[in-house]
Protein backbone atom coordinates (compact mmCIF):
# COMPACT_ATOMS: atom_id res chain seq x y z
CA MET A 1 -51.74 25.58 -2.58
CA LYS A 2 -50.27 22.31 -1.36
CA LEU A 3 -49.53 21.35 -4.93
CA PHE A 4 -47.77 24.68 -5.50
CA LYS A 5 -45.62 24.24 -2.38
CA ALA A 6 -44.72 20.72 -3.39
CA VAL A 7 -43.68 21.84 -6.90
CA THR A 8 -41.62 24.72 -5.47
CA THR A 9 -39.93 22.43 -2.96
CA VAL A 10 -39.01 19.89 -5.66
CA CYS A 11 -37.69 22.66 -7.94
CA CYS A 12 -35.48 24.09 -5.17
CA ALA A 13 -34.16 20.64 -4.34
CA ALA A 14 -33.36 20.03 -7.98
CA LEU A 15 -31.52 23.37 -8.19
CA LEU A 16 -29.49 22.57 -5.07
CA GLY A 17 -28.56 19.16 -6.53
CA LEU A 18 -27.55 20.81 -9.81
CA ALA A 19 -25.29 23.31 -7.97
CA ILE A 20 -23.60 20.54 -6.05
CA THR A 21 -23.14 18.41 -9.15
CA SER A 22 -21.70 21.36 -11.05
CA GLY A 23 -19.11 21.91 -8.35
CA ALA A 24 -18.15 18.25 -8.34
CA ARG A 25 -17.73 18.17 -12.11
CA ALA A 26 -15.47 21.26 -12.01
CA ASP A 27 -12.57 19.14 -10.66
CA ASP A 28 -13.69 15.89 -12.22
CA TRP A 29 -12.75 16.87 -15.78
CA ASN A 30 -9.01 17.11 -14.93
CA ARG A 31 -9.24 14.32 -12.28
CA LYS A 32 -7.31 16.32 -9.74
CA THR A 33 -5.97 13.86 -7.14
CA THR A 34 -3.77 14.41 -4.09
CA ILE A 35 -1.36 11.52 -3.57
CA THR A 36 1.19 10.91 -0.81
CA PHE A 37 4.20 8.66 -1.46
CA SER A 38 5.83 7.00 1.53
CA GLY A 39 9.09 6.50 -0.37
CA PRO A 40 10.90 7.80 -3.48
CA VAL A 41 9.25 7.15 -6.83
CA GLU A 42 10.85 7.18 -10.30
CA ILE A 43 8.75 8.98 -12.94
CA PRO A 44 9.01 9.19 -16.75
CA GLY A 45 9.99 12.40 -18.49
CA VAL A 46 9.30 15.15 -19.23
CA HIS A 47 10.26 16.42 -15.76
CA LEU A 48 12.07 19.38 -14.29
CA VAL A 49 15.82 19.07 -14.07
CA GLY A 50 16.72 16.97 -11.10
CA TRP A 51 13.17 15.64 -10.54
CA GLY A 52 13.38 12.22 -12.26
CA VAL A 53 12.78 10.68 -8.83
CA LEU A 54 10.16 12.24 -6.58
CA PRO A 55 11.09 12.09 -2.87
CA ALA A 56 8.54 10.86 -0.35
CA GLY A 57 5.85 13.48 0.10
CA THR A 58 2.50 14.75 -1.15
CA TYR A 59 1.82 15.60 -4.79
CA VAL A 60 -1.16 16.59 -6.96
CA PHE A 61 -1.94 14.69 -10.21
CA LYS A 62 -4.01 16.34 -12.95
CA ILE A 63 -4.90 15.74 -16.59
CA LEU A 64 -3.54 18.53 -18.80
CA ASN A 65 -4.94 17.25 -22.03
CA SER A 66 -7.07 14.26 -22.99
CA GLN A 67 -7.38 13.06 -26.58
CA SER A 68 -9.21 10.02 -27.77
CA ASP A 69 -6.18 7.71 -27.60
CA ARG A 70 -3.73 9.35 -25.22
CA HIS A 71 -3.56 11.71 -22.27
CA ILE A 72 -1.04 14.10 -20.79
CA VAL A 73 -0.70 13.97 -17.02
CA GLN A 74 0.97 16.60 -14.82
CA ILE A 75 2.42 16.19 -11.34
CA PHE A 76 2.43 19.26 -9.08
CA ASN A 77 3.73 20.00 -5.63
CA LYS A 78 1.17 19.93 -2.79
CA GLU A 79 0.43 23.68 -3.18
CA GLU A 80 0.12 23.34 -7.00
CA THR A 81 2.64 26.12 -7.53
CA THR A 82 5.22 23.99 -9.35
CA VAL A 83 4.79 21.47 -12.18
CA TYR A 84 7.37 18.76 -11.54
CA ALA A 85 6.55 16.61 -14.53
CA THR A 86 4.40 16.45 -17.68
CA ILE A 87 3.99 12.81 -18.71
CA LEU A 88 2.52 11.04 -21.72
CA ALA A 89 -0.02 8.32 -20.80
CA ILE A 90 -2.33 5.86 -22.52
CA PRO A 91 -5.85 5.03 -21.27
CA ASN A 92 -5.82 1.44 -19.97
CA TYR A 93 -8.91 -0.52 -18.94
CA ARG A 94 -9.44 -2.53 -15.75
CA LEU A 95 -12.24 -4.93 -14.95
CA GLN A 96 -13.43 -3.35 -11.70
CA ALA A 97 -13.47 0.26 -10.60
CA THR A 98 -12.75 1.21 -6.97
CA ASP A 99 -13.91 4.11 -4.84
CA LYS A 100 -10.35 5.13 -4.09
CA THR A 101 -7.38 6.34 -6.11
CA VAL A 102 -5.06 3.50 -7.17
CA ILE A 103 -1.41 4.02 -8.07
CA THR A 104 0.55 1.04 -9.41
CA PHE A 105 4.32 0.68 -9.67
CA ARG A 106 6.85 -1.43 -11.50
CA GLU A 107 9.14 -3.62 -9.43
CA ARG A 108 12.73 -2.57 -9.22
CA PRO A 109 15.88 -4.19 -7.79
CA ALA A 110 16.43 -3.75 -4.08
CA GLY A 111 17.66 -0.28 -3.18
CA GLN A 112 16.14 1.40 -6.25
CA PRO A 113 12.99 3.54 -6.17
CA GLU A 114 9.78 2.05 -7.47
CA ALA A 115 8.83 3.19 -10.96
CA LEU A 116 5.41 4.78 -11.60
CA ARG A 117 3.25 2.56 -13.77
CA ALA A 118 -0.41 3.69 -13.76
CA TRP A 119 -2.90 5.97 -12.06
CA PHE A 120 -6.57 5.01 -11.67
CA TYR A 121 -9.07 7.70 -10.68
CA PRO A 122 -11.86 6.72 -8.24
CA GLY A 123 -14.99 5.29 -9.80
CA ARG A 124 -13.49 4.69 -13.24
CA ASN A 125 -12.72 1.46 -15.03
CA TRP A 126 -9.85 2.98 -16.90
CA GLY A 127 -6.72 4.81 -15.89
CA GLU A 128 -3.46 6.24 -17.16
CA GLU A 129 -0.62 3.89 -18.14
CA PHE A 130 2.55 5.97 -18.27
CA VAL A 131 4.95 6.00 -21.25
CA TYR A 132 8.72 5.86 -20.66
CA PRO A 133 11.63 6.79 -22.88
CA LYS A 134 12.86 3.85 -24.99
CA ALA A 135 16.08 3.02 -23.08
CA VAL A 136 14.32 3.20 -19.68
CA ALA A 137 11.41 1.07 -20.94
CA MET A 138 13.79 -1.69 -22.07
CA GLU A 139 15.38 -1.82 -18.60
CA LEU A 140 12.04 -1.71 -16.76
CA ALA A 141 10.56 -4.49 -18.93
CA LYS A 142 13.42 -6.81 -18.02
CA THR A 143 13.43 -6.06 -14.30
CA SER A 144 9.66 -5.96 -13.77
CA ASN A 145 8.98 -8.86 -16.18
CA VAL A 146 5.96 -7.09 -17.71
CA PRO A 147 5.59 -5.06 -20.90
CA VAL A 148 6.43 -1.34 -20.69
CA LEU A 149 5.12 1.40 -22.96
CA TYR A 150 7.69 3.59 -24.74
CA THR A 151 8.04 6.16 -27.47
CA ASP A 152 10.83 6.61 -30.02
CA GLU A 153 9.96 10.31 -30.27
CA GLN A 154 12.91 12.50 -29.31
CA LEU A 155 11.16 14.08 -26.36
CA PRO A 156 13.33 15.86 -23.82
CA VAL A 157 13.71 13.91 -20.59
CA GLU A 158 14.26 17.07 -18.57
CA VAL A 159 13.26 20.72 -18.97
CA ALA A 160 14.45 23.83 -17.21
CA GLU A 161 10.99 25.41 -17.18
CA PRO A 162 7.71 23.63 -16.47
CA ILE A 163 5.20 22.97 -19.21
CA ARG A 164 2.10 24.99 -18.44
CA THR A 165 -0.32 24.62 -21.36
CA ALA A 166 -1.53 21.92 -23.69
CA ASP A 167 -0.37 23.90 -26.73
CA ALA A 168 3.25 24.22 -25.51
CA PRO A 169 5.63 22.73 -28.12
CA VAL A 170 6.63 19.74 -25.99
CA ALA A 171 3.00 18.95 -25.12
CA VAL A 172 2.05 19.07 -28.79
CA GLN A 173 4.96 16.77 -29.60
CA MET A 174 3.74 14.33 -26.96
CA SER A 175 0.24 14.32 -28.43
CA ARG A 176 1.65 13.11 -31.77
CA ALA A 177 4.32 10.71 -30.55
CA PRO A 178 4.10 7.09 -31.78
CA ILE A 179 3.89 4.57 -28.93
CA MET A 180 4.93 0.93 -28.76
CA ALA A 181 5.67 -1.55 -25.99
CA TYR A 182 8.65 -3.59 -24.91
CA LYS A 183 8.15 -7.12 -23.68
CA PRO A 184 10.54 -8.62 -21.08
CA THR A 185 11.97 -10.73 -23.90
CA GLY A 186 13.12 -7.54 -25.64
CA GLU A 187 10.53 -7.93 -28.35
CA THR A 188 8.81 -4.79 -29.59
CA VAL A 189 5.05 -5.17 -30.01
CA PRO A 190 2.17 -2.88 -30.99
CA LEU A 191 0.36 -0.97 -28.29
CA ALA A 192 -2.87 -2.95 -28.79
CA GLU A 193 -1.16 -6.19 -27.71
CA VAL A 194 -0.51 -4.98 -24.15
CA ILE A 195 -3.16 -2.34 -23.57
CA THR A 196 -6.95 -2.91 -23.22
CA ALA A 197 -8.51 0.26 -24.50
CA PRO A 198 -11.58 1.67 -22.73
CA PRO A 199 -14.95 1.44 -24.52
CA ALA A 200 -15.36 4.00 -27.29
CA GLU A 201 -17.98 5.98 -25.38
CA VAL A 202 -15.47 7.01 -22.68
CA LEU A 203 -12.76 8.08 -25.09
CA VAL A 204 -13.83 11.72 -25.35
CA ALA A 205 -11.41 14.47 -26.33
CA SER A 206 -11.53 17.34 -23.87
CA ASN A 207 -9.33 20.23 -22.81
CA GLU A 208 -12.08 22.02 -20.89
CA PRO A 209 -14.53 21.05 -18.17
CA ALA A 210 -17.62 19.35 -19.59
CA PRO A 211 -20.52 21.83 -19.50
CA MET A 212 -23.37 20.75 -17.29
CA LEU A 213 -25.98 22.46 -19.44
CA PRO A 214 -26.30 23.81 -23.03
CA LYS A 215 -24.96 27.32 -23.42
CA THR A 216 -27.45 30.16 -23.55
CA GLY A 217 -27.27 33.75 -24.73
CA SER A 218 -28.10 35.03 -21.26
CA SER A 219 -25.47 36.31 -18.86
CA LEU A 220 -27.16 34.37 -16.04
CA PRO A 221 -25.76 30.98 -15.12
CA SER A 222 -27.71 28.14 -16.64
CA PHE A 223 -28.91 26.80 -13.31
CA LEU A 224 -30.49 30.18 -12.47
CA LEU A 225 -32.32 30.13 -15.76
CA LEU A 226 -33.60 26.66 -14.89
CA GLY A 227 -34.70 28.00 -11.53
CA LEU A 228 -36.71 30.78 -13.15
CA LEU A 229 -38.32 28.28 -15.51
CA ALA A 230 -39.11 25.95 -12.66
CA LEU A 231 -40.69 28.72 -10.55
CA GLY A 232 -42.67 29.83 -13.60
CA GLY A 233 -43.97 26.32 -13.92
CA GLY A 234 -44.98 26.40 -10.28
CA PHE A 235 -47.08 29.53 -10.83
CA VAL A 236 -48.76 27.93 -13.82
CA VAL A 237 -49.67 24.89 -11.72
CA ARG A 238 -51.00 27.16 -8.98
CA ALA A 239 -53.10 29.17 -11.40
CA TYR A 240 -54.51 25.97 -12.89
CA SER A 241 -55.43 24.62 -9.44
CA LEU A 242 -57.24 27.87 -8.52
CA ARG A 243 -59.26 27.77 -11.74
CA ALA A 244 -60.21 24.17 -11.07
CA ARG A 245 -61.82 25.04 -7.70
């Protein structure tokens, strides 16, 4: 009997842990992050008309689409009712992960808003390095004295309506856009010269949350099926212990 209770307790604890993990992973796939800026921040296109510079305030960052070599990041208002910008980004590796969100900026002359550079999600060694239009990248490379990613693709800088899905024409165009980098010297260099790509195992294409368990033909959630199997195992152990007496 004690063995049966122990098995049942362990199974229930495992199910609770699975339910908690499943909930955590639900937001983890799009890396939803709430960020508050204390001052104005310049962002790359594609943004809503008039929103090239975000005023001080609270915003929500999410991944719209993640391919093996590039990502598309969206910036929402605090309530997530408006998409202010849909931005092309490249995964960039860092040596040490932190337990907090990190946003980096490019230095600008006095009186100008800081320019968004990269976004690192907590617990990850790689983040999103944002890609600017060619003309803006040239200016930022000179003023910040560091290379800036850019694309020659004729993407719109502003849009009248927000981009809502990964298969929207502009989002598809982003996913195929060639990307280079400008050095402060004005030299154009390949992406690989200024970006440290994450290890291959973390470059996984995904437009949907990663499933926690293999799909089944049952209409029950997978964790309930596991619960039934675990309880069944408990009864088997109990029956075996009674026979052994």
